[in-house]
N, C-alpha and C. Protein backbone atom coordinates (compact mmCIF):
# COMPACT_ATOMS: atom_id res chain seq x y z
N MET A 1 0.85 -1.18 0.00
CA MET A 1 0.00 0.00 0.00
C MET A 1 0.89 1.24 0.00
N SER A 2 0.48 2.25 -0.76
CA SER A 2 1.23 3.49 -0.83
C SER A 2 1.22 4.19 0.53
N GLU A 3 2.39 4.64 0.96
CA GLU A 3 2.50 5.38 2.22
C GLU A 3 1.67 6.65 2.18
N ASP A 4 1.66 7.32 1.01
CA ASP A 4 0.91 8.57 0.89
C ASP A 4 -0.59 8.35 1.09
N ILE A 5 -1.10 7.28 0.51
CA ILE A 5 -2.53 6.99 0.65
C ILE A 5 -2.87 6.66 2.09
N PHE A 6 -2.07 5.78 2.71
CA PHE A 6 -2.38 5.43 4.09
C PHE A 6 -2.20 6.62 5.02
N SER A 7 -1.26 7.52 4.71
CA SER A 7 -1.04 8.68 5.59
C SER A 7 -2.29 9.55 5.65
N LEU A 8 -3.09 9.59 4.56
CA LEU A 8 -4.35 10.35 4.59
C LEU A 8 -5.33 9.71 5.57
N PHE A 9 -5.40 8.39 5.55
CA PHE A 9 -6.27 7.68 6.49
C PHE A 9 -5.73 7.81 7.91
N GLU A 10 -4.42 7.72 8.06
CA GLU A 10 -3.82 7.84 9.40
C GLU A 10 -4.09 9.22 10.00
N SER A 11 -4.05 10.26 9.18
CA SER A 11 -4.38 11.61 9.67
C SER A 11 -5.81 11.66 10.18
N TYR A 12 -6.71 10.97 9.46
CA TYR A 12 -8.11 10.94 9.87
C TYR A 12 -8.28 10.24 11.22
N ILE A 13 -7.71 9.03 11.37
CA ILE A 13 -7.91 8.31 12.63
C ILE A 13 -7.11 8.93 13.78
N SER A 14 -6.02 9.63 13.47
CA SER A 14 -5.21 10.25 14.53
C SER A 14 -5.94 11.37 15.23
N ARG A 15 -6.90 11.99 14.56
CA ARG A 15 -7.62 13.09 15.19
C ARG A 15 -8.45 12.62 16.38
N TYR A 16 -8.72 11.31 16.43
CA TYR A 16 -9.47 10.76 17.56
C TYR A 16 -8.56 10.40 18.74
N CYS A 17 -7.23 10.41 18.54
CA CYS A 17 -6.26 10.12 19.60
C CYS A 17 -6.56 8.79 20.31
N LEU A 18 -6.80 7.75 19.54
CA LEU A 18 -7.19 6.47 20.11
C LEU A 18 -6.15 5.37 19.97
N PHE A 19 -5.18 5.52 19.04
CA PHE A 19 -4.36 4.38 18.66
C PHE A 19 -2.87 4.60 18.89
N SER A 20 -2.22 3.54 19.32
CA SER A 20 -0.75 3.55 19.44
C SER A 20 -0.15 3.31 18.06
N GLU A 21 1.16 3.50 17.96
CA GLU A 21 1.83 3.25 16.68
C GLU A 21 1.70 1.77 16.27
N LYS A 22 1.76 0.88 17.24
CA LYS A 22 1.62 -0.55 16.96
C LYS A 22 0.22 -0.84 16.43
N GLU A 23 -0.81 -0.23 17.03
CA GLU A 23 -2.18 -0.45 16.58
C GLU A 23 -2.39 0.12 15.18
N ILE A 24 -1.79 1.27 14.91
CA ILE A 24 -1.89 1.86 13.56
C ILE A 24 -1.23 0.93 12.54
N ALA A 25 -0.12 0.32 12.92
CA ALA A 25 0.55 -0.64 12.02
C ALA A 25 -0.36 -1.85 11.75
N THR A 26 -1.08 -2.30 12.78
CA THR A 26 -2.02 -3.42 12.60
C THR A 26 -3.16 -3.02 11.66
N ILE A 27 -3.70 -1.82 11.86
CA ILE A 27 -4.76 -1.32 10.98
C ILE A 27 -4.26 -1.25 9.54
N LYS A 28 -3.05 -0.72 9.38
CA LYS A 28 -2.47 -0.59 8.03
C LYS A 28 -2.31 -1.94 7.36
N SER A 29 -1.95 -2.96 8.15
CA SER A 29 -1.70 -4.29 7.56
C SER A 29 -2.96 -4.90 6.97
N LEU A 30 -4.14 -4.44 7.42
CA LEU A 30 -5.40 -4.99 6.92
C LEU A 30 -6.10 -4.08 5.91
N ALA A 31 -5.54 -2.90 5.71
CA ALA A 31 -6.15 -1.93 4.79
C ALA A 31 -5.78 -2.24 3.34
N ILE A 32 -6.73 -2.03 2.46
CA ILE A 32 -6.53 -2.23 1.02
C ILE A 32 -6.75 -0.88 0.34
N SER A 33 -5.77 -0.42 -0.42
CA SER A 33 -5.95 0.85 -1.14
C SER A 33 -6.32 0.57 -2.59
N LYS A 34 -7.19 1.41 -3.12
CA LYS A 34 -7.63 1.27 -4.51
C LYS A 34 -7.82 2.64 -5.13
N GLN A 35 -7.67 2.67 -6.44
CA GLN A 35 -8.02 3.86 -7.21
C GLN A 35 -9.23 3.49 -8.06
N ILE A 36 -10.27 4.31 -7.94
CA ILE A 36 -11.52 4.06 -8.64
C ILE A 36 -11.71 5.16 -9.68
N LYS A 37 -11.97 4.75 -10.89
CA LYS A 37 -12.20 5.72 -11.97
C LYS A 37 -13.60 6.33 -11.87
N LYS A 38 -13.76 7.51 -12.40
CA LYS A 38 -15.07 8.16 -12.46
C LYS A 38 -16.07 7.22 -13.13
N ARG A 39 -17.25 7.10 -12.53
CA ARG A 39 -18.37 6.26 -12.97
C ARG A 39 -18.17 4.77 -12.69
N GLN A 40 -17.05 4.39 -12.09
CA GLN A 40 -16.83 2.98 -11.76
C GLN A 40 -17.65 2.63 -10.52
N TYR A 41 -18.25 1.44 -10.54
CA TYR A 41 -19.08 0.99 -9.43
C TYR A 41 -18.25 0.32 -8.34
N LEU A 42 -18.60 0.61 -7.10
CA LEU A 42 -18.11 -0.15 -5.95
C LEU A 42 -19.14 -1.19 -5.54
N LEU A 43 -20.41 -0.87 -5.80
CA LEU A 43 -21.50 -1.77 -5.44
C LEU A 43 -22.63 -1.58 -6.43
N ARG A 44 -23.23 -2.68 -6.84
CA ARG A 44 -24.42 -2.64 -7.70
C ARG A 44 -25.59 -3.24 -6.94
N GLN A 45 -26.77 -2.71 -7.24
CA GLN A 45 -28.00 -3.25 -6.64
C GLN A 45 -28.07 -4.75 -6.90
N GLY A 46 -28.43 -5.51 -5.86
CA GLY A 46 -28.52 -6.96 -5.99
C GLY A 46 -27.25 -7.69 -5.57
N CYS A 47 -26.15 -6.95 -5.38
CA CYS A 47 -24.90 -7.55 -4.92
C CYS A 47 -24.75 -7.32 -3.41
N VAL A 48 -23.95 -8.14 -2.78
CA VAL A 48 -23.70 -7.98 -1.34
C VAL A 48 -22.52 -7.04 -1.13
N CYS A 49 -22.69 -6.08 -0.24
CA CYS A 49 -21.61 -5.17 0.12
C CYS A 49 -20.59 -5.93 0.95
N ARG A 50 -19.33 -5.88 0.58
CA ARG A 50 -18.29 -6.68 1.24
C ARG A 50 -17.23 -5.84 1.96
N TYR A 51 -17.27 -4.49 1.78
CA TYR A 51 -16.18 -3.67 2.30
C TYR A 51 -16.68 -2.41 3.02
N HIS A 52 -15.95 -2.06 4.06
CA HIS A 52 -16.04 -0.73 4.68
C HIS A 52 -15.08 0.14 3.88
N THR A 53 -15.56 1.25 3.33
CA THR A 53 -14.76 2.05 2.42
C THR A 53 -14.59 3.47 2.94
N PHE A 54 -13.35 3.94 2.95
CA PHE A 54 -13.00 5.28 3.39
C PHE A 54 -12.45 6.05 2.19
N VAL A 55 -12.92 7.29 2.01
CA VAL A 55 -12.52 8.10 0.85
C VAL A 55 -11.30 8.97 1.22
N CYS A 56 -10.20 8.76 0.50
CA CYS A 56 -8.98 9.56 0.69
C CYS A 56 -8.94 10.77 -0.24
N SER A 57 -9.47 10.61 -1.44
CA SER A 57 -9.61 11.73 -2.38
C SER A 57 -10.74 11.39 -3.34
N GLY A 58 -11.34 12.42 -3.93
CA GLY A 58 -12.45 12.20 -4.84
C GLY A 58 -13.78 12.21 -4.11
N CYS A 59 -14.78 11.52 -4.68
CA CYS A 59 -16.11 11.51 -4.09
C CYS A 59 -16.91 10.31 -4.59
N LEU A 60 -17.60 9.65 -3.67
CA LEU A 60 -18.51 8.54 -3.99
C LEU A 60 -19.94 8.98 -3.73
N ARG A 61 -20.87 8.28 -4.36
CA ARG A 61 -22.28 8.51 -4.07
C ARG A 61 -22.99 7.17 -3.91
N SER A 62 -24.04 7.18 -3.09
CA SER A 62 -24.91 6.02 -2.90
C SER A 62 -26.30 6.43 -3.35
N TYR A 63 -26.93 5.57 -4.17
CA TYR A 63 -28.24 5.94 -4.71
C TYR A 63 -29.05 4.72 -5.09
N ARG A 64 -30.33 4.97 -5.33
CA ARG A 64 -31.23 3.96 -5.87
C ARG A 64 -31.91 4.53 -7.10
N ILE A 65 -32.43 3.64 -7.93
CA ILE A 65 -33.14 4.05 -9.14
C ILE A 65 -34.57 3.58 -9.00
N ASP A 66 -35.53 4.52 -9.17
CA ASP A 66 -36.94 4.15 -9.01
C ASP A 66 -37.49 3.49 -10.28
N ASN A 67 -38.75 3.13 -10.25
CA ASN A 67 -39.37 2.42 -11.38
C ASN A 67 -39.44 3.25 -12.66
N ASN A 68 -39.31 4.58 -12.51
CA ASN A 68 -39.32 5.46 -13.69
C ASN A 68 -37.92 5.77 -14.20
N GLY A 69 -36.91 5.15 -13.59
CA GLY A 69 -35.53 5.38 -14.04
C GLY A 69 -34.87 6.59 -13.42
N ASN A 70 -35.51 7.20 -12.41
CA ASN A 70 -34.93 8.37 -11.76
C ASN A 70 -33.99 7.95 -10.63
N GLU A 71 -32.84 8.63 -10.56
CA GLU A 71 -31.88 8.36 -9.49
C GLU A 71 -32.24 9.19 -8.26
N HIS A 72 -32.12 8.56 -7.09
CA HIS A 72 -32.34 9.25 -5.82
C HIS A 72 -31.10 9.02 -4.96
N ILE A 73 -30.33 10.09 -4.78
CA ILE A 73 -29.06 9.99 -4.06
C ILE A 73 -29.30 10.09 -2.56
N PHE A 74 -28.79 9.09 -1.84
CA PHE A 74 -28.93 9.05 -0.38
C PHE A 74 -27.72 9.66 0.32
N ALA A 75 -26.54 9.45 -0.24
CA ALA A 75 -25.34 9.91 0.45
C ALA A 75 -24.26 10.29 -0.54
N LEU A 76 -23.50 11.30 -0.16
CA LEU A 76 -22.29 11.69 -0.87
C LEU A 76 -21.14 11.53 0.12
N SER A 77 -20.05 10.98 -0.35
CA SER A 77 -18.90 10.77 0.52
C SER A 77 -17.64 11.34 -0.12
N PRO A 78 -17.35 12.60 0.22
CA PRO A 78 -16.07 13.18 -0.23
C PRO A 78 -14.95 12.75 0.71
N VAL A 79 -13.84 13.42 0.66
CA VAL A 79 -12.66 13.11 1.48
C VAL A 79 -13.04 13.02 2.96
N ASN A 80 -12.45 12.04 3.64
CA ASN A 80 -12.63 11.82 5.09
C ASN A 80 -14.04 11.36 5.46
N HIS A 81 -14.72 10.72 4.53
CA HIS A 81 -16.02 10.13 4.80
C HIS A 81 -15.98 8.64 4.47
N TRP A 82 -16.85 7.89 5.13
CA TRP A 82 -17.00 6.45 4.89
C TRP A 82 -18.19 6.22 3.98
N MET A 83 -18.15 5.10 3.25
CA MET A 83 -19.27 4.74 2.37
C MET A 83 -19.41 3.23 2.35
N ASN A 84 -20.63 2.77 2.56
CA ASN A 84 -20.97 1.36 2.42
C ASN A 84 -22.47 1.23 2.55
N ASP A 85 -22.96 0.03 2.32
CA ASP A 85 -24.34 -0.30 2.67
C ASP A 85 -24.22 -1.16 3.92
N ARG A 86 -24.35 -0.53 5.08
CA ARG A 86 -24.08 -1.20 6.35
C ARG A 86 -24.98 -2.42 6.56
N LEU A 87 -26.26 -2.31 6.18
CA LEU A 87 -27.17 -3.44 6.36
C LEU A 87 -26.71 -4.65 5.54
N SER A 88 -26.38 -4.44 4.28
CA SER A 88 -25.90 -5.52 3.42
C SER A 88 -24.58 -6.08 3.95
N LEU A 89 -23.71 -5.20 4.39
CA LEU A 89 -22.40 -5.58 4.89
C LEU A 89 -22.50 -6.50 6.11
N VAL A 90 -23.35 -6.11 7.05
CA VAL A 90 -23.47 -6.87 8.30
C VAL A 90 -24.31 -8.13 8.13
N SER A 91 -25.39 -8.04 7.35
CA SER A 91 -26.31 -9.19 7.22
C SER A 91 -25.93 -10.16 6.11
N GLY A 92 -25.12 -9.68 5.15
CA GLY A 92 -24.78 -10.53 4.01
C GLY A 92 -25.88 -10.64 2.99
N THR A 93 -26.89 -9.75 3.08
CA THR A 93 -28.00 -9.76 2.13
C THR A 93 -27.71 -8.83 0.96
N PRO A 94 -28.32 -9.08 -0.21
CA PRO A 94 -28.09 -8.20 -1.36
C PRO A 94 -28.54 -6.77 -1.07
N SER A 95 -27.79 -5.85 -1.61
CA SER A 95 -28.06 -4.43 -1.41
C SER A 95 -29.14 -3.93 -2.36
N ASN A 96 -29.86 -2.92 -1.93
CA ASN A 96 -30.79 -2.20 -2.81
C ASN A 96 -30.12 -0.99 -3.46
N ASP A 97 -28.88 -0.72 -3.08
CA ASP A 97 -28.20 0.51 -3.49
C ASP A 97 -27.16 0.27 -4.58
N PHE A 98 -26.84 1.36 -5.24
CA PHE A 98 -25.67 1.46 -6.10
C PHE A 98 -24.69 2.39 -5.40
N ILE A 99 -23.40 2.10 -5.50
CA ILE A 99 -22.36 3.03 -5.06
C ILE A 99 -21.39 3.16 -6.21
N ASP A 100 -21.14 4.41 -6.64
CA ASP A 100 -20.16 4.63 -7.69
C ASP A 100 -19.38 5.92 -7.43
N ALA A 101 -18.37 6.13 -8.26
CA ALA A 101 -17.48 7.28 -8.11
C ALA A 101 -17.96 8.43 -9.00
N LEU A 102 -18.09 9.60 -8.40
CA LEU A 102 -18.46 10.80 -9.16
C LEU A 102 -17.27 11.40 -9.88
N GLU A 103 -16.09 11.05 -9.44
CA GLU A 103 -14.84 11.51 -10.06
C GLU A 103 -13.78 10.48 -9.71
N ASP A 104 -12.61 10.57 -10.31
CA ASP A 104 -11.54 9.64 -9.95
C ASP A 104 -11.33 9.73 -8.44
N THR A 105 -11.32 8.58 -7.78
CA THR A 105 -11.36 8.54 -6.33
C THR A 105 -10.35 7.52 -5.80
N VAL A 106 -9.67 7.89 -4.72
CA VAL A 106 -8.75 6.99 -4.04
C VAL A 106 -9.40 6.58 -2.72
N ILE A 107 -9.45 5.28 -2.48
CA ILE A 107 -10.13 4.77 -1.29
C ILE A 107 -9.24 3.81 -0.52
N ILE A 108 -9.58 3.63 0.74
CA ILE A 108 -9.02 2.56 1.56
C ILE A 108 -10.20 1.70 1.99
N GLN A 109 -10.05 0.38 1.87
CA GLN A 109 -11.12 -0.53 2.23
C GLN A 109 -10.65 -1.55 3.26
N PHE A 110 -11.63 -2.01 4.04
CA PHE A 110 -11.43 -3.11 4.97
C PHE A 110 -12.53 -4.12 4.69
N SER A 111 -12.15 -5.37 4.46
CA SER A 111 -13.17 -6.41 4.31
C SER A 111 -13.92 -6.53 5.63
N GLU A 112 -15.10 -7.10 5.59
CA GLU A 112 -15.88 -7.28 6.81
C GLU A 112 -15.11 -8.14 7.81
N ASP A 113 -14.41 -9.18 7.34
CA ASP A 113 -13.62 -10.03 8.24
C ASP A 113 -12.47 -9.24 8.87
N SER A 114 -11.79 -8.42 8.08
CA SER A 114 -10.69 -7.60 8.61
C SER A 114 -11.22 -6.59 9.62
N PHE A 115 -12.37 -5.99 9.29
CA PHE A 115 -12.96 -5.00 10.20
C PHE A 115 -13.32 -5.66 11.54
N LYS A 116 -13.91 -6.85 11.48
CA LYS A 116 -14.26 -7.57 12.71
C LYS A 116 -13.00 -7.93 13.49
N SER A 117 -11.94 -8.28 12.79
CA SER A 117 -10.67 -8.60 13.44
C SER A 117 -10.13 -7.38 14.19
N LEU A 118 -10.22 -6.21 13.58
CA LEU A 118 -9.78 -4.98 14.25
C LEU A 118 -10.65 -4.67 15.46
N LEU A 119 -11.94 -4.91 15.34
CA LEU A 119 -12.84 -4.70 16.48
C LEU A 119 -12.47 -5.61 17.65
N ARG A 120 -12.04 -6.85 17.35
CA ARG A 120 -11.66 -7.80 18.41
C ARG A 120 -10.30 -7.47 19.01
N GLU A 121 -9.34 -7.14 18.14
CA GLU A 121 -7.95 -7.01 18.58
C GLU A 121 -7.60 -5.65 19.17
N ILE A 122 -8.32 -4.62 18.75
CA ILE A 122 -7.99 -3.26 19.20
C ILE A 122 -9.24 -2.66 19.84
N PRO A 123 -9.30 -2.65 21.17
CA PRO A 123 -10.50 -2.14 21.84
C PRO A 123 -10.93 -0.74 21.38
N ASN A 124 -9.96 0.12 21.14
CA ASN A 124 -10.32 1.48 20.73
C ASN A 124 -10.87 1.55 19.31
N PHE A 125 -10.70 0.48 18.54
CA PHE A 125 -11.31 0.46 17.21
C PHE A 125 -12.83 0.39 17.34
N ASN A 126 -13.32 -0.23 18.41
CA ASN A 126 -14.75 -0.21 18.72
C ASN A 126 -15.24 1.21 18.96
N ILE A 127 -14.42 1.98 19.66
CA ILE A 127 -14.78 3.38 19.93
C ILE A 127 -14.84 4.15 18.61
N LEU A 128 -13.84 3.95 17.74
CA LEU A 128 -13.85 4.60 16.43
C LEU A 128 -15.10 4.21 15.65
N ASN A 129 -15.42 2.92 15.63
CA ASN A 129 -16.59 2.45 14.90
C ASN A 129 -17.87 3.08 15.44
N THR A 130 -17.99 3.17 16.76
CA THR A 130 -19.16 3.80 17.37
C THR A 130 -19.26 5.26 16.96
N LYS A 131 -18.13 5.95 16.93
CA LYS A 131 -18.13 7.35 16.50
C LYS A 131 -18.55 7.49 15.04
N ILE A 132 -18.06 6.59 14.20
CA ILE A 132 -18.43 6.62 12.78
C ILE A 132 -19.94 6.42 12.62
N ILE A 133 -20.48 5.43 13.32
CA ILE A 133 -21.93 5.16 13.24
C ILE A 133 -22.72 6.34 13.76
N ALA A 134 -22.28 6.93 14.88
CA ALA A 134 -22.98 8.08 15.46
C ALA A 134 -22.97 9.26 14.50
N GLU A 135 -21.83 9.51 13.85
CA GLU A 135 -21.74 10.61 12.88
C GLU A 135 -22.64 10.36 11.68
N GLU A 136 -22.69 9.10 11.20
CA GLU A 136 -23.58 8.76 10.09
C GLU A 136 -25.05 8.97 10.47
N CYS A 137 -25.42 8.53 11.68
CA CYS A 137 -26.81 8.70 12.14
C CYS A 137 -27.16 10.17 12.28
N SER A 138 -26.27 10.95 12.86
CA SER A 138 -26.52 12.39 13.03
C SER A 138 -26.67 13.07 11.68
N SER A 139 -25.79 12.74 10.74
CA SER A 139 -25.86 13.31 9.41
C SER A 139 -27.17 12.95 8.71
N SER A 140 -27.59 11.69 8.84
CA SER A 140 -28.85 11.25 8.22
C SER A 140 -30.05 11.96 8.84
N ARG A 141 -30.05 12.11 10.16
CA ARG A 141 -31.16 12.79 10.83
C ARG A 141 -31.22 14.26 10.40
N ASP A 142 -30.06 14.91 10.32
CA ASP A 142 -30.02 16.31 9.88
C ASP A 142 -30.54 16.44 8.45
N ARG A 143 -30.15 15.49 7.61
CA ARG A 143 -30.61 15.53 6.21
C ARG A 143 -32.11 15.31 6.12
N ILE A 144 -32.65 14.36 6.87
CA ILE A 144 -34.09 14.12 6.86
C ILE A 144 -34.83 15.37 7.34
N TYR A 145 -34.34 15.97 8.40
CA TYR A 145 -34.98 17.19 8.91
C TYR A 145 -34.95 18.29 7.85
N MET A 146 -33.79 18.45 7.20
CA MET A 146 -33.67 19.47 6.16
C MET A 146 -34.67 19.22 5.03
N MET A 147 -34.80 17.96 4.61
CA MET A 147 -35.69 17.64 3.50
C MET A 147 -37.15 17.89 3.87
N LEU A 148 -37.51 17.68 5.14
CA LEU A 148 -38.89 17.85 5.58
C LEU A 148 -39.25 19.29 5.89
N SER A 149 -38.26 20.08 6.30
CA SER A 149 -38.60 21.39 6.85
C SER A 149 -38.10 22.59 6.05
N HIS A 150 -37.21 22.39 5.11
CA HIS A 150 -36.61 23.52 4.39
C HIS A 150 -37.07 23.58 2.94
N GLN A 151 -37.20 24.79 2.47
CA GLN A 151 -37.49 25.01 1.05
C GLN A 151 -36.22 24.74 0.24
N ALA A 152 -36.39 24.67 -1.06
CA ALA A 152 -35.29 24.28 -1.96
C ALA A 152 -34.05 25.16 -1.81
N GLU A 153 -34.23 26.48 -1.72
CA GLU A 153 -33.06 27.35 -1.63
C GLU A 153 -32.28 27.11 -0.35
N GLU A 154 -32.98 26.95 0.77
CA GLU A 154 -32.29 26.68 2.03
C GLU A 154 -31.61 25.32 2.01
N ARG A 155 -32.18 24.34 1.32
CA ARG A 155 -31.53 23.04 1.18
C ARG A 155 -30.19 23.20 0.46
N TYR A 156 -30.20 24.02 -0.59
CA TYR A 156 -28.97 24.23 -1.35
C TYR A 156 -27.94 24.97 -0.50
N ARG A 157 -28.37 25.98 0.24
CA ARG A 157 -27.45 26.70 1.12
C ARG A 157 -26.85 25.75 2.17
N GLN A 158 -27.67 24.86 2.69
CA GLN A 158 -27.19 23.86 3.65
C GLN A 158 -26.20 22.91 2.99
N PHE A 159 -26.46 22.54 1.75
CA PHE A 159 -25.54 21.68 1.01
C PHE A 159 -24.18 22.35 0.89
N ILE A 160 -24.17 23.65 0.56
CA ILE A 160 -22.91 24.39 0.42
C ILE A 160 -22.17 24.41 1.77
N ARG A 161 -22.90 24.59 2.87
CA ARG A 161 -22.27 24.59 4.19
C ARG A 161 -21.68 23.22 4.53
N CYS A 162 -22.43 22.16 4.19
CA CYS A 162 -21.97 20.80 4.52
C CYS A 162 -20.85 20.31 3.60
N PHE A 163 -20.93 20.69 2.33
CA PHE A 163 -19.97 20.21 1.34
C PHE A 163 -19.37 21.40 0.55
N PRO A 164 -18.64 22.28 1.23
CA PRO A 164 -18.12 23.47 0.53
C PRO A 164 -17.21 23.14 -0.65
N GLN A 165 -16.57 21.97 -0.60
CA GLN A 165 -15.65 21.59 -1.66
C GLN A 165 -16.36 20.94 -2.85
N LEU A 166 -17.65 20.64 -2.73
CA LEU A 166 -18.33 19.90 -3.79
C LEU A 166 -19.23 20.74 -4.68
N HIS A 167 -19.81 21.81 -4.17
CA HIS A 167 -20.90 22.45 -4.93
C HIS A 167 -20.46 23.01 -6.28
N ASN A 168 -19.18 23.29 -6.47
CA ASN A 168 -18.70 23.74 -7.78
C ASN A 168 -17.95 22.64 -8.53
N ARG A 169 -17.91 21.44 -7.95
CA ARG A 169 -17.09 20.37 -8.51
C ARG A 169 -17.89 19.26 -9.13
N ILE A 170 -19.09 18.99 -8.63
CA ILE A 170 -19.87 17.88 -9.17
C ILE A 170 -21.03 18.41 -10.00
N PRO A 171 -21.55 17.62 -10.92
CA PRO A 171 -22.61 18.09 -11.83
C PRO A 171 -23.86 18.54 -11.08
N ILE A 172 -24.53 19.52 -11.65
CA ILE A 172 -25.71 20.11 -11.02
C ILE A 172 -26.84 19.09 -10.85
N TYR A 173 -26.97 18.15 -11.79
CA TYR A 173 -28.05 17.16 -11.66
C TYR A 173 -27.82 16.24 -10.47
N ILE A 174 -26.56 16.02 -10.09
CA ILE A 174 -26.25 15.20 -8.91
C ILE A 174 -26.69 15.95 -7.65
N ILE A 175 -26.35 17.22 -7.58
CA ILE A 175 -26.74 18.03 -6.41
C ILE A 175 -28.26 18.10 -6.32
N ALA A 176 -28.92 18.32 -7.45
CA ALA A 176 -30.39 18.40 -7.46
C ALA A 176 -31.01 17.11 -6.96
N SER A 177 -30.50 15.97 -7.40
CA SER A 177 -31.01 14.69 -6.94
C SER A 177 -30.81 14.53 -5.44
N TYR A 178 -29.65 14.90 -4.95
CA TYR A 178 -29.35 14.81 -3.52
C TYR A 178 -30.32 15.68 -2.71
N LEU A 179 -30.67 16.85 -3.26
CA LEU A 179 -31.55 17.79 -2.56
C LEU A 179 -33.03 17.49 -2.77
N GLY A 180 -33.35 16.55 -3.68
CA GLY A 180 -34.74 16.21 -3.93
C GLY A 180 -35.50 17.28 -4.70
N ILE A 181 -34.77 17.98 -5.59
CA ILE A 181 -35.39 19.01 -6.42
C ILE A 181 -35.00 18.78 -7.87
N THR A 182 -35.66 19.50 -8.78
CA THR A 182 -35.32 19.34 -10.20
C THR A 182 -34.07 20.14 -10.54
N ARG A 183 -33.44 19.74 -11.61
CA ARG A 183 -32.26 20.47 -12.10
C ARG A 183 -32.63 21.91 -12.43
N GLU A 184 -33.82 22.09 -13.01
CA GLU A 184 -34.26 23.44 -13.40
C GLU A 184 -34.43 24.34 -12.16
N THR A 185 -34.99 23.78 -11.10
CA THR A 185 -35.15 24.55 -9.87
C THR A 185 -33.79 24.95 -9.31
N LEU A 186 -32.85 24.02 -9.30
CA LEU A 186 -31.53 24.33 -8.77
C LEU A 186 -30.82 25.36 -9.65
N THR A 187 -30.98 25.27 -10.96
CA THR A 187 -30.38 26.26 -11.85
C THR A 187 -30.93 27.65 -11.54
N ARG A 188 -32.25 27.74 -11.32
CA ARG A 188 -32.87 29.03 -10.99
C ARG A 188 -32.35 29.56 -9.64
N ILE A 189 -32.22 28.68 -8.66
CA ILE A 189 -31.71 29.09 -7.35
C ILE A 189 -30.30 29.62 -7.47
N ARG A 190 -29.45 28.91 -8.22
CA ARG A 190 -28.06 29.35 -8.38
C ARG A 190 -27.99 30.70 -9.10
N THR A 191 -28.82 30.87 -10.11
CA THR A 191 -28.85 32.14 -10.85
C THR A 191 -29.25 33.28 -9.93
N ASN A 192 -30.29 33.07 -9.13
CA ASN A 192 -30.75 34.10 -8.19
C ASN A 192 -29.70 34.43 -7.15
N MET A 193 -28.97 33.42 -6.68
CA MET A 193 -27.93 33.66 -5.67
C MET A 193 -26.79 34.47 -6.25
N VAL A 194 -26.44 34.21 -7.50
CA VAL A 194 -25.35 34.96 -8.15
C VAL A 194 -25.74 36.41 -8.37
N SER A 195 -27.02 36.64 -8.70
CA SER A 195 -27.47 38.00 -9.04
C SER A 195 -27.68 38.87 -7.81
N LEU A 196 -27.67 38.29 -6.61
CA LEU A 196 -27.87 39.08 -5.38
C LEU A 196 -26.66 39.91 -5.04
């Protein structure tokens, strides 16, 4: 594994101040680094999710396609975010989701067996996992609240606050799908914001 790639992950886990150098070496020994091309799939609907995935650079998205062929994006994972279908991963059941790369992306992955091994061997890895789950739950609750209570323009402003590095980097139709609005509505919002 490239030292540069793992150093990005090591910087992320070091902010929690949980691991010794020996434990970090153990984590590194089980980590798999990959480069994913834009539009390449990590997971397809009907397949079982097998990996816990951490984004070192680039951006992933998780989505479903409805009966009319429309994409509905559930999650975006830029740098320092995790991405997986946790239910499929833990239960071994086929996923309902697609996960793909919105741009060329560098990731670190842990197989479910490796992840369980880290949970057993390194007590503080349990603490890290709990923090990751808590952050995912909090983010999901905030997003649900935003979708239920905010108008389209405020949703977009919240998106910019949450993902300042993404709003000018990913296609407008992706952002619109994530916000649950049409591309035309988002184009109008952006135009109005520029003209203010």
